[in-house]
Amino acid sequence: MITIDVEELGARTTAIIAQVGSGATYVVMMAGRPAAALIPIEDAKDHVLADDDRYTGIRRRSRGAYADGRTTNLKNLS
């Protein structure tokens, strides 16, 4: 991750966003402290999915089923 201050982000926004679009990640500092992260959209999609209630519900039920021994053989899925 590349660390930049908020003033540099303001001065170089277009170039920095282009770099993020190409896979770079940035931590934006404000008053010497981390204030934000700039990450590629592909990575953000993973974060959004991980917090989606539908996904977390499925994951929770699946873990419960696995713990209870209620699993499905891959051959039975086709």
PDB file of N, CA and C in Angstrom:
ATOM      1  N   MET A   1       0.834  -1.179   0.000  1.00  0.00           N
ATOM      2  CA  MET A   1       0.000   0.000   0.000  1.00  0.00           C
ATOM      3  C   MET A   1       0.877   1.240   0.000  1.00  0.00           C
ATOM      4  N   ILE A   2       0.446   2.196  -0.762  1.00  0.00           N
ATOM      5  CA  ILE A   2       1.145   3.466  -0.854  1.00  0.00           C
ATOM      6  C   ILE A   2       0.458   4.445   0.091  1.00  0.00           C
ATOM      7  N   THR A   3       1.242   5.185   0.847  1.00  0.00           N
ATOM      8  CA  THR A   3       0.691   6.171   1.772  1.00  0.00           C
ATOM      9  C   THR A   3       0.862   7.563   1.182  1.00  0.00           C
ATOM     10  N   ILE A   4      -0.231   8.337   1.158  1.00  0.00           N
ATOM     11  CA  ILE A   4      -0.186   9.719   0.684  1.00  0.00           C
ATOM     12  C   ILE A   4      -0.985  10.589   1.640  1.00  0.00           C
ATOM     13  N   ASP A   5      -0.679  11.882   1.647  1.00  0.00           N
ATOM     14  CA  ASP A   5      -1.498  12.762   2.478  1.00  0.00           C
ATOM     15  C   ASP A   5      -2.636  13.336   1.638  1.00  0.00           C
ATOM     16  N   VAL A   6      -3.630  13.847   2.313  1.00  0.00           N
ATOM     17  CA  VAL A   6      -4.844  14.308   1.649  1.00  0.00           C
ATOM     18  C   VAL A   6      -4.546  15.446   0.669  1.00  0.00           C
ATOM     19  N   GLU A   7      -3.554  16.275   0.974  1.00  0.00           N
ATOM     20  CA  GLU A   7      -3.200  17.361   0.060  1.00  0.00           C
ATOM     21  C   GLU A   7      -2.663  16.813  -1.261  1.00  0.00           C
ATOM     22  N   GLU A   8      -1.828  15.774  -1.176  1.00  0.00           N
ATOM     23  CA  GLU A   8      -1.302  15.156  -2.398  1.00  0.00           C
ATOM     24  C   GLU A   8      -2.431  14.525  -3.203  1.00  0.00           C
ATOM     25  N   LEU A   9      -3.367  13.895  -2.524  1.00  0.00           N
ATOM     26  CA  LEU A   9      -4.522  13.329  -3.220  1.00  0.00           C
ATOM     27  C   LEU A   9      -5.280  14.426  -3.963  1.00  0.00           C
ATOM     28  N   GLY A  10      -5.471  15.559  -3.316  1.00  0.00           N
ATOM     29  CA  GLY A  10      -6.165  16.671  -3.956  1.00  0.00           C
ATOM     30  C   GLY A  10      -5.436  17.179  -5.182  1.00  0.00           C
ATOM     31  N   ALA A  11      -4.119  17.192  -5.120  1.00  0.00           N
ATOM     32  CA  ALA A  11      -3.321  17.712  -6.228  1.00  0.00           C
ATOM     33  C   ALA A  11      -3.181  16.717  -7.373  1.00  0.00           C
ATOM     34  N   ARG A  12      -3.276  15.421  -7.070  1.00  0.00           N
ATOM     35  CA  ARG A  12      -3.015  14.390  -8.087  1.00  0.00           C
ATOM     36  C   ARG A  12      -4.160  13.394  -8.224  1.00  0.00           C
ATOM     37  N   THR A  13      -5.376  13.822  -7.972  1.00  0.00           N
ATOM     38  CA  THR A  13      -6.524  12.913  -7.934  1.00  0.00           C
ATOM     39  C   THR A  13      -6.635  12.049  -9.183  1.00  0.00           C
ATOM     40  N   THR A  14      -6.605  12.644 -10.355  1.00  0.00           N
ATOM     41  CA  THR A  14      -6.800  11.885 -11.594  1.00  0.00           C
ATOM     42  C   THR A  14      -5.734  10.815 -11.758  1.00  0.00           C
ATOM     43  N   ALA A  15      -4.480  11.156 -11.530  1.00  0.00           N
ATOM     44  CA  ALA A  15      -3.391  10.192 -11.684  1.00  0.00           C
ATOM     45  C   ALA A  15      -3.497   9.072 -10.652  1.00  0.00           C
ATOM     46  N   ILE A  16      -3.842   9.421  -9.423  1.00  0.00           N
ATOM     47  CA  ILE A  16      -3.946   8.414  -8.366  1.00  0.00           C
ATOM     48  C   ILE A  16      -5.110   7.470  -8.637  1.00  0.00           C
ATOM     49  N   ILE A  17      -6.249   8.008  -9.057  1.00  0.00           N
ATOM     50  CA  ILE A  17      -7.397   7.152  -9.372  1.00  0.00           C
ATOM     51  C   ILE A  17      -7.056   6.224 -10.535  1.00  0.00           C
ATOM     52  N   ALA A  18      -6.318   6.709 -11.512  1.00  0.00           N
ATOM     53  CA  ALA A  18      -5.895   5.854 -12.629  1.00  0.00           C
ATOM     54  C   ALA A  18      -5.017   4.715 -12.122  1.00  0.00           C
ATOM     55  N   GLN A  19      -4.123   5.009 -11.190  1.00  0.00           N
ATOM     56  CA  GLN A  19      -3.270   3.963 -10.624  1.00  0.00           C
ATOM     57  C   GLN A  19      -4.091   2.951  -9.833  1.00  0.00           C
ATOM     58  N   VAL A  20      -5.061   3.429  -9.081  1.00  0.00           N
ATOM     59  CA  VAL A  20      -5.940   2.522  -8.332  1.00  0.00           C
ATOM     60  C   VAL A  20      -6.706   1.637  -9.311  1.00  0.00           C
ATOM     61  N   GLY A  21      -7.158   2.213 -10.408  1.00  0.00           N
ATOM     62  CA  GLY A  21      -7.848   1.427 -11.430  1.00  0.00           C
ATOM     63  C   GLY A  21      -6.973   0.350 -12.042  1.00  0.00           C
ATOM     64  N   SER A  22      -5.657   0.538 -11.948  1.00  0.00           N
ATOM     65  CA  SER A  22      -4.710  -0.455 -12.459  1.00  0.00           C
ATOM     66  C   SER A  22      -4.230  -1.414 -11.378  1.00  0.00           C
ATOM     67  N   GLY A  23      -4.800  -1.303 -10.170  1.00  0.00           N
ATOM     68  CA  GLY A  23      -4.482  -2.267  -9.124  1.00  0.00           C
ATOM     69  C   GLY A  23      -3.743  -1.732  -7.909  1.00  0.00           C
ATOM     70  N   ALA A  24      -3.301  -0.475  -7.941  1.00  0.00           N
ATOM     71  CA  ALA A  24      -2.592   0.085  -6.784  1.00  0.00           C
ATOM     72  C   ALA A  24      -3.564   0.337  -5.633  1.00  0.00           C
ATOM     73  N   THR A  25      -3.045   0.310  -4.429  1.00  0.00           N
ATOM     74  CA  THR A  25      -3.847   0.648  -3.252  1.00  0.00           C
ATOM     75  C   THR A  25      -3.155   1.780  -2.500  1.00  0.00           C
ATOM     76  N   TYR A  26      -3.949   2.655  -1.936  1.00  0.00           N
ATOM     77  CA  TYR A  26      -3.438   3.824  -1.224  1.00  0.00           C
ATOM     78  C   TYR A  26      -4.102   3.940   0.139  1.00  0.00           C
ATOM     79  N   VAL A  27      -3.322   4.416   1.108  1.00  0.00           N
ATOM     80  CA  VAL A  27      -3.865   4.851   2.388  1.00  0.00           C
ATOM     81  C   VAL A  27      -3.716   6.367   2.399  1.00  0.00           C
ATOM     82  N   VAL A  28      -4.821   7.057   2.593  1.00  0.00           N
ATOM     83  CA  VAL A  28      -4.819   8.515   2.612  1.00  0.00           C
ATOM     84  C   VAL A  28      -4.704   8.969   4.065  1.00  0.00           C
ATOM     85  N   MET A  29      -3.690   9.786   4.325  1.00  0.00           N
ATOM     86  CA  MET A  29      -3.424  10.277   5.672  1.00  0.00           C
ATOM     87  C   MET A  29      -3.984  11.687   5.832  1.00  0.00           C
ATOM     88  N   MET A  30      -4.531  11.946   6.999  1.00  0.00           N
ATOM     89  CA  MET A  30      -5.039  13.272   7.319  1.00  0.00           C
ATOM     90  C   MET A  30      -4.540  13.607   8.718  1.00  0.00           C
ATOM     91  N   ALA A  31      -3.813  14.689   8.842  1.00  0.00           N
ATOM     92  CA  ALA A  31      -3.217  15.089  10.121  1.00  0.00           C
ATOM     93  C   ALA A  31      -2.355  13.969  10.698  1.00  0.00           C
ATOM     94  N   GLY A  32      -1.641  13.263   9.804  1.00  0.00           N
ATOM     95  CA  GLY A  32      -0.730  12.215  10.240  1.00  0.00           C
ATOM     96  C   GLY A  32      -1.371  10.894  10.613  1.00  0.00           C
ATOM     97  N   ARG A  33      -2.666  10.764  10.382  1.00  0.00           N
ATOM     98  CA  ARG A  33      -3.374   9.522  10.736  1.00  0.00           C
ATOM     99  C   ARG A  33      -4.086   8.960   9.517  1.00  0.00           C
ATOM    100  N   PRO A  34      -4.196   7.641   9.416  1.00  0.00           N
ATOM    101  CA  PRO A  34      -4.936   7.050   8.298  1.00  0.00           C
ATOM    102  C   PRO A  34      -6.398   7.491   8.331  1.00  0.00           C
ATOM    103  N   ALA A  35      -6.900   7.976   7.199  1.00  0.00           N
ATOM    104  CA  ALA A  35      -8.279   8.461   7.134  1.00  0.00           C
ATOM    105  C   ALA A  35      -9.118   7.677   6.137  1.00  0.00           C
ATOM    106  N   ALA A  36      -8.482   7.126   5.115  1.00  0.00           N
ATOM    107  CA  ALA A  36      -9.239   6.417   4.079  1.00  0.00           C
ATOM    108  C   ALA A  36      -8.306   5.476   3.335  1.00  0.00           C
ATOM    109  N   ALA A  37      -8.918   4.522   2.664  1.00  0.00           N
ATOM    110  CA  ALA A  37      -8.171   3.623   1.789  1.00  0.00           C
ATOM    111  C   ALA A  37      -8.776   3.699   0.400  1.00  0.00           C
ATOM    112  N   LEU A  38      -7.930   3.753  -0.594  1.00  0.00           N
ATOM    113  CA  LEU A  38      -8.371   3.696  -1.986  1.00  0.00           C
ATOM    114  C   LEU A  38      -7.956   2.335  -2.516  1.00  0.00           C
ATOM    115  N   ILE A  39      -8.941   1.535  -2.921  1.00  0.00           N
ATOM    116  CA  ILE A  39      -8.668   0.185  -3.401  1.00  0.00           C
ATOM    117  C   ILE A  39      -9.372  -0.033  -4.731  1.00  0.00           C
ATOM    118  N   PRO A  40      -8.854  -0.945  -5.558  1.00  0.00           N
ATOM    119  CA  PRO A  40      -9.520  -1.241  -6.827  1.00  0.00           C
ATOM    120  C   PRO A  40     -10.942  -1.749  -6.592  1.00  0.00           C
ATOM    121  N   ILE A  41     -11.823  -1.465  -7.530  1.00  0.00           N
ATOM    122  CA  ILE A  41     -13.239  -1.827  -7.386  1.00  0.00           C
ATOM    123  C   ILE A  41     -13.416  -3.333  -7.216  1.00  0.00           C
ATOM    124  N   GLU A  42     -12.559  -4.137  -7.834  1.00  0.00           N
ATOM    125  CA  GLU A  42     -12.675  -5.592  -7.687  1.00  0.00           C
ATOM    126  C   GLU A  42     -12.525  -5.993  -6.222  1.00  0.00           C
ATOM    127  N   ASP A  43     -11.596  -5.348  -5.518  1.00  0.00           N
ATOM    128  CA  ASP A  43     -11.406  -5.633  -4.093  1.00  0.00           C
ATOM    129  C   ASP A  43     -12.587  -5.135  -3.274  1.00  0.00           C
ATOM    130  N   ALA A  44     -13.138  -4.007  -3.652  1.00  0.00           N
ATOM    131  CA  ALA A  44     -14.295  -3.458  -2.932  1.00  0.00           C
ATOM    132  C   ALA A  44     -15.495  -4.380  -3.062  1.00  0.00           C
ATOM    133  N   LYS A  45     -15.671  -4.995  -4.228  1.00  0.00           N
ATOM    134  CA  LYS A  45     -16.790  -5.922  -4.416  1.00  0.00           C
ATOM    135  C   LYS A  45     -16.704  -7.067  -3.421  1.00  0.00           C
ATOM    136  N   ASP A  46     -15.487  -7.562  -3.160  1.00  0.00           N
ATOM    137  CA  ASP A  46     -15.318  -8.629  -2.176  1.00  0.00           C
ATOM    138  C   ASP A  46     -15.743  -8.163  -0.791  1.00  0.00           C
ATOM    139  N   HIS A  47     -15.406  -6.940  -0.429  1.00  0.00           N
ATOM    140  CA  HIS A  47     -15.794  -6.404   0.880  1.00  0.00           C
ATOM    141  C   HIS A  47     -17.305  -6.247   0.987  1.00  0.00           C
ATOM    142  N   VAL A  48     -17.928  -5.777  -0.065  1.00  0.00           N
ATOM    143  CA  VAL A  48     -19.384  -5.592  -0.059  1.00  0.00           C
ATOM    144  C   VAL A  48     -20.074  -6.936   0.087  1.00  0.00           C
ATOM    145  N   LEU A  49     -19.625  -7.940  -0.655  1.00  0.00           N
ATOM    146  CA  LEU A  49     -20.223  -9.268  -0.571  1.00  0.00           C
ATOM    147  C   LEU A  49     -20.048  -9.849   0.826  1.00  0.00           C
ATOM    148  N   ALA A  50     -18.885  -9.671   1.412  1.00  0.00           N
ATOM    149  CA  ALA A  50     -18.621 -10.240   2.733  1.00  0.00           C
ATOM    150  C   ALA A  50     -19.552  -9.681   3.795  1.00  0.00           C
ATOM    151  N   ASP A  51     -20.055  -8.472   3.593  1.00  0.00           N
ATOM    152  CA  ASP A  51     -20.948  -7.852   4.570  1.00  0.00           C
ATOM    153  C   ASP A  51     -22.421  -7.927   4.183  1.00  0.00           C
ATOM    154  N   ASP A  52     -22.739  -8.497   3.031  1.00  0.00           N
ATOM    155  CA  ASP A  52     -24.119  -8.587   2.566  1.00  0.00           C
ATOM    156  C   ASP A  52     -24.896  -9.567   3.447  1.00  0.00           C
ATOM    157  N   ASP A  53     -26.052  -9.154   3.943  1.00  0.00           N
ATOM    158  CA  ASP A  53     -26.846  -9.996   4.846  1.00  0.00           C
ATOM    159  C   ASP A  53     -27.220 -11.328   4.217  1.00  0.00           C
ATOM    160  N   ARG A  54     -27.539 -11.335   2.928  1.00  0.00           N
ATOM    161  CA  ARG A  54     -27.898 -12.604   2.275  1.00  0.00           C
ATOM    162  C   ARG A  54     -26.712 -13.559   2.277  1.00  0.00           C
ATOM    163  N   TYR A  55     -25.531 -13.033   1.956  1.00  0.00           N
ATOM    164  CA  TYR A  55     -24.341 -13.868   1.911  1.00  0.00           C
ATOM    165  C   TYR A  55     -23.962 -14.365   3.302  1.00  0.00           C
ATOM    166  N   THR A  56     -23.985 -13.483   4.288  1.00  0.00           N
ATOM    167  CA  THR A  56     -23.602 -13.908   5.631  1.00  0.00           C
ATOM    168  C   THR A  56     -24.598 -14.912   6.193  1.00  0.00           C
ATOM    169  N   GLY A  57     -25.876 -14.779   5.844  1.00  0.00           N
ATOM    170  CA  GLY A  57     -26.879 -15.756   6.280  1.00  0.00           C
ATOM    171  C   GLY A  57     -26.623 -17.127   5.680  1.00  0.00           C
ATOM    172  N   ILE A  58     -26.330 -17.160   4.391  1.00  0.00           N
ATOM    173  CA  ILE A  58     -26.015 -18.426   3.721  1.00  0.00           C
ATOM    174  C   ILE A  58     -24.772 -19.043   4.345  1.00  0.00           C
ATOM    175  N   ARG A  59     -23.761 -18.218   4.566  1.00  0.00           N
ATOM    176  CA  ARG A  59     -22.513 -18.711   5.149  1.00  0.00           C
ATOM    177  C   ARG A  59     -22.761 -19.274   6.543  1.00  0.00           C
ATOM    178  N   ARG A  60     -23.552 -18.574   7.360  1.00  0.00           N
ATOM    179  CA  ARG A  60     -23.851 -19.027   8.725  1.00  0.00           C
ATOM    180  C   ARG A  60     -24.621 -20.352   8.695  1.00  0.00           C
ATOM    181  N   ARG A  61     -25.643 -20.442   7.827  1.00  0.00           N
ATOM    182  CA  ARG A  61     -26.419 -21.689   7.731  1.00  0.00           C
ATOM    183  C   ARG A  61     -25.552 -22.841   7.227  1.00  0.00           C
ATOM    184  N   SER A  62     -24.672 -22.553   6.282  1.00  0.00           N
ATOM    185  CA  SER A  62     -23.796 -23.594   5.742  1.00  0.00           C
ATOM    186  C   SER A  62     -22.839 -24.116   6.799  1.00  0.00           C
ATOM    187  N   ARG A  63     -22.281 -23.212   7.582  1.00  0.00           N
ATOM    188  CA  ARG A  63     -21.382 -23.652   8.652  1.00  0.00           C
ATOM    189  C   ARG A  63     -22.128 -24.485   9.687  1.00  0.00           C
ATOM    190  N   GLY A  64     -23.360 -24.092   9.996  1.00  0.00           N
ATOM    191  CA  GLY A  64     -24.168 -24.868  10.934  1.00  0.00           C
ATOM    192  C   GLY A  64     -24.478 -26.249  10.395  1.00  0.00           C
ATOM    193  N   ALA A  65     -24.829 -26.322   9.110  1.00  0.00           N
ATOM    194  CA  ALA A  65     -25.123 -27.617   8.487  1.00  0.00           C
ATOM    195  C   ALA A  65     -23.885 -28.499   8.489  1.00  0.00           C
ATOM    196  N   TYR A  66     -22.737 -27.920   8.196  1.00  0.00           N
ATOM    197  CA  TYR A  66     -21.492 -28.683   8.194  1.00  0.00           C
ATOM    198  C   TYR A  66     -21.185 -29.201   9.595  1.00  0.00           C
ATOM    199  N   ALA A  67     -21.349 -28.348  10.593  1.00  0.00           N
ATOM    200  CA  ALA A  67     -21.086 -28.753  11.979  1.00  0.00           C
ATOM    201  C   ALA A  67     -22.022 -29.872  12.421  1.00  0.00           C
ATOM    202  N   ASP A  68     -23.254 -29.877  11.887  1.00  0.00           N
ATOM    203  CA  ASP A  68     -24.235 -30.911  12.228  1.00  0.00           C
ATOM    204  C   ASP A  68     -24.091 -32.161  11.374  1.00  0.00           C
ATOM    205  N   GLY A  69     -23.137 -32.154  10.448  1.00  0.00           N
ATOM    206  CA  GLY A  69     -22.938 -33.307   9.575  1.00  0.00           C
ATOM    207  C   GLY A  69     -23.895 -33.355   8.403  1.00  0.00           C
ATOM    208  N   ARG A  70     -24.616 -32.277   8.164  1.00  0.00           N
ATOM    209  CA  ARG A  70     -25.555 -32.224   7.037  1.00  0.00           C
ATOM    210  C   ARG A  70     -24.838 -31.630   5.829  1.00  0.00           C
ATOM    211  N   THR A  71     -24.181 -32.485   5.068  1.00  0.00           N
ATOM    212  CA  THR A  71     -23.447 -32.036   3.891  1.00  0.00           C
ATOM    213  C   THR A  71     -23.974 -32.742   2.653  1.00  0.00           C
ATOM    214  N   THR A  72     -23.623 -32.222   1.493  1.00  0.00           N
ATOM    215  CA  THR A  72     -24.038 -32.811   0.223  1.00  0.00           C
ATOM    216  C   THR A  72     -22.807 -33.192  -0.572  1.00  0.00           C
ATOM    217  N   ASN A  73     -22.799 -34.393  -1.075  1.00  0.00           N
ATOM    218  CA  ASN A  73     -21.719 -34.853  -1.929  1.00  0.00           C
ATOM    219  C   ASN A  73     -21.799 -34.119  -3.260  1.00  0.00           C
ATOM    220  N   LEU A  74     -20.663 -33.743  -3.824  1.00  0.00           N
ATOM    221  CA  LEU A  74     -20.652 -33.024  -5.098  1.00  0.00           C
ATOM    222  C   LEU A  74     -21.337 -33.808  -6.211  1.00  0.00           C
ATOM    223  N   LYS A  75     -21.274 -35.128  -6.172  1.00  0.00           N
ATOM    224  CA  LYS A  75     -21.933 -35.949  -7.198  1.00  0.00           C
ATOM    225  C   LYS A  75     -23.443 -35.744  -7.177  1.00  0.00           C
ATOM    226  N   ASN A  76     -23.998 -35.415  -6.022  1.00  0.00           N
ATOM    227  CA  ASN A  76     -25.445 -35.236  -5.897  1.00  0.00           C
ATOM    228  C   ASN A  76     -25.922 -33.871  -6.379  1.00  0.00           C
ATOM    229  N   LEU A  77     -25.006 -32.964  -6.675  1.00  0.00           N
ATOM    230  CA  LEU A  77     -25.391 -31.624  -7.098  1.00  0.00           C
ATOM    231  C   LEU A  77     -25.713 -31.538  -8.581  1.00  0.00           C
ATOM    232  N   SER A  78     -25.249 -32.481  -9.378  1.00  0.00           N
ATOM    233  CA  SER A  78     -25.491 -32.394 -10.828  1.00  0.00           C
ATOM    234  C   SER A  78     -26.741 -33.116 -11.256  1.00  0.00           C
TER     235      SER A  78
END
